Amino acid sequence: MRYYIKNVGGGSIDGPYTVEELNRRIHEGKVDSQWLATSDIGESIQVVSRSPGSDWIWIAEVHRVIGVAVPPISRPAEDMRVRWLLIVGFVILICVFLFLLLVADLSEKLQGLH
């Protein structure tokens, strides 16, 4: 199995590399725990560059890769998921608040009619 890799901080996609080549790059200090990997399934680098964040894993999670640990931070895809959940939650809260304001306003208008 071969893998494309990229640094979390950005930069270009590199590879594809075998696990042995990845271990050598780690040993040489060219790759560390802040790198992500995705399987090479025969796509070009241009196609791989458009792949969703959920297709990428920490390089330490690649089977038989040694010398790096999984960072204590989440993958970018997980960060994006958390952001979307927070945004959706915030929008729901705003909608509930506006609905309560509308109900209160209608209630005042109905009491004014009596």
Protein backbone atom coordinates (compact mmCIF):
# COMPACT_ATOMS: atom_id res chain seq x y z
CA MET A 1 0.00 0.00 0.00
CA ARG A 2 1.20 3.49 -0.82
CA TYR A 3 0.21 6.81 0.76
CA TYR A 4 0.12 10.46 -0.14
CA ILE A 5 1.13 12.79 2.70
CA LYS A 6 0.71 16.45 3.57
CA ASN A 7 1.59 18.65 6.52
CA VAL A 8 -1.26 19.91 8.69
CA GLY A 9 0.15 23.42 8.42
CA GLY A 10 -0.39 23.42 4.67
CA GLY A 11 1.91 22.93 1.80
CA SER A 12 1.82 20.56 -1.09
CA ILE A 13 0.86 16.93 -1.19
CA ASP A 14 3.80 14.57 -1.52
CA GLY A 15 4.07 10.95 -2.53
CA PRO A 16 2.91 8.37 -2.93
CA TYR A 17 5.19 6.51 -0.50
CA THR A 18 5.32 2.96 0.79
CA VAL A 19 5.22 2.43 4.56
CA GLU A 20 8.95 1.67 4.48
CA GLU A 21 9.63 4.97 2.71
CA LEU A 22 7.44 6.82 5.25
CA ASN A 23 9.37 5.23 8.13
CA ARG A 24 12.64 6.28 6.49
CA ARG A 25 11.41 9.89 6.07
CA ILE A 26 10.31 9.91 9.73
CA HIS A 27 13.70 8.58 10.82
CA GLU A 28 15.44 11.26 8.72
CA GLY A 29 13.31 13.97 10.37
CA LYS A 30 11.58 14.99 7.14
CA VAL A 31 8.15 13.91 8.44
CA ASP A 32 6.81 14.18 11.98
CA SER A 33 3.56 13.70 13.89
CA GLN A 34 1.99 16.79 12.26
CA TRP A 35 1.61 15.04 8.90
CA LEU A 36 -1.51 13.46 7.47
CA ALA A 37 -1.76 10.52 5.08
CA THR A 38 -4.30 9.14 2.63
CA SER A 39 -4.22 5.93 0.62
CA ASP A 40 -3.06 5.96 -2.96
CA ILE A 41 -5.91 4.43 -4.96
CA GLY A 42 -4.52 5.40 -8.34
CA GLU A 43 -5.73 9.00 -8.40
CA SER A 44 -3.60 11.93 -9.48
CA ILE A 45 -2.29 14.44 -6.94
CA GLN A 46 -4.80 16.97 -8.33
CA VAL A 47 -7.69 14.63 -7.46
CA VAL A 48 -6.18 13.80 -4.06
CA SER A 49 -5.81 17.54 -3.31
CA ARG A 50 -9.59 17.91 -3.61
CA SER A 51 -10.36 14.96 -1.33
CA PRO A 52 -12.33 15.75 1.84
CA GLY A 53 -10.58 16.11 5.16
CA SER A 54 -12.23 12.93 6.38
CA ASP A 55 -10.09 10.96 3.87
CA TRP A 56 -6.92 11.96 5.73
CA ILE A 57 -5.56 10.30 8.89
CA TRP A 58 -2.61 11.09 11.12
CA ILE A 59 0.54 9.53 9.70
CA ALA A 60 0.94 7.71 13.03
CA GLU A 61 -2.35 5.92 12.32
CA VAL A 62 -0.99 4.30 9.15
CA HIS A 63 -0.49 0.59 9.80
CA ARG A 64 3.19 -0.28 10.48
CA VAL A 65 4.37 3.36 10.63
CA ILE A 66 6.74 3.77 13.58
CA GLY A 67 8.51 6.65 15.26
CA VAL A 68 5.66 9.14 15.62
CA ALA A 69 2.75 9.44 18.01
CA VAL A 70 -0.79 10.55 17.29
CA PRO A 71 -0.97 14.24 18.25
CA PRO A 72 -3.31 15.17 21.11
CA ILE A 73 -5.24 17.48 18.76
CA SER A 74 -8.00 16.36 16.45
CA ARG A 75 -7.70 16.02 12.69
CA PRO A 76 -8.80 18.99 10.58
CA ALA A 77 -11.92 17.13 9.46
CA GLU A 78 -12.95 16.63 13.06
CA ASP A 79 -12.33 20.30 13.76
CA MET A 80 -14.59 21.22 10.84
CA ARG A 81 -17.31 18.89 12.12
CA VAL A 82 -17.16 20.51 15.55
CA ARG A 83 -17.37 23.99 13.98
CA TRP A 84 -20.45 23.01 11.97
CA LEU A 85 -22.11 21.55 15.06
CA LEU A 86 -21.43 24.76 16.96
CA ILE A 87 -22.78 26.89 14.11
CA VAL A 88 -25.94 24.77 13.80
CA GLY A 89 -26.44 24.89 17.57
CA PHE A 90 -26.03 28.66 17.58
CA VAL A 91 -28.54 29.08 14.73
CA ILE A 92 -31.05 26.88 16.56
CA LEU A 93 -30.64 28.97 19.73
CA ILE A 94 -31.21 32.18 17.77
CA CYS A 95 -34.33 30.69 16.15
CA VAL A 96 -35.72 29.65 19.56
CA PHE A 97 -34.99 33.11 20.97
CA LEU A 98 -36.69 34.84 18.03
CA PHE A 99 -39.67 32.50 18.31
CA LEU A 100 -40.03 33.33 22.02
CA LEU A 101 -39.86 37.06 21.21
CA LEU A 102 -42.56 36.61 18.58
CA VAL A 103 -44.80 34.71 20.99
CA ALA A 104 -44.29 37.35 23.68
CA ASP A 105 -45.08 40.15 21.21
CA LEU A 106 -48.22 38.41 19.99
CA SER A 107 -49.28 37.77 23.56
CA GLU A 108 -48.95 41.49 24.39
CA LYS A 109 -50.94 42.47 21.30
CA LEU A 110 -53.70 40.00 22.14
CA GLN A 111 -53.91 41.33 25.71
CA GLY A 112 -54.15 44.87 24.33
CA LEU A 113 -57.22 43.88 22.33
CA HIS A 114 -59.16 42.93 25.48
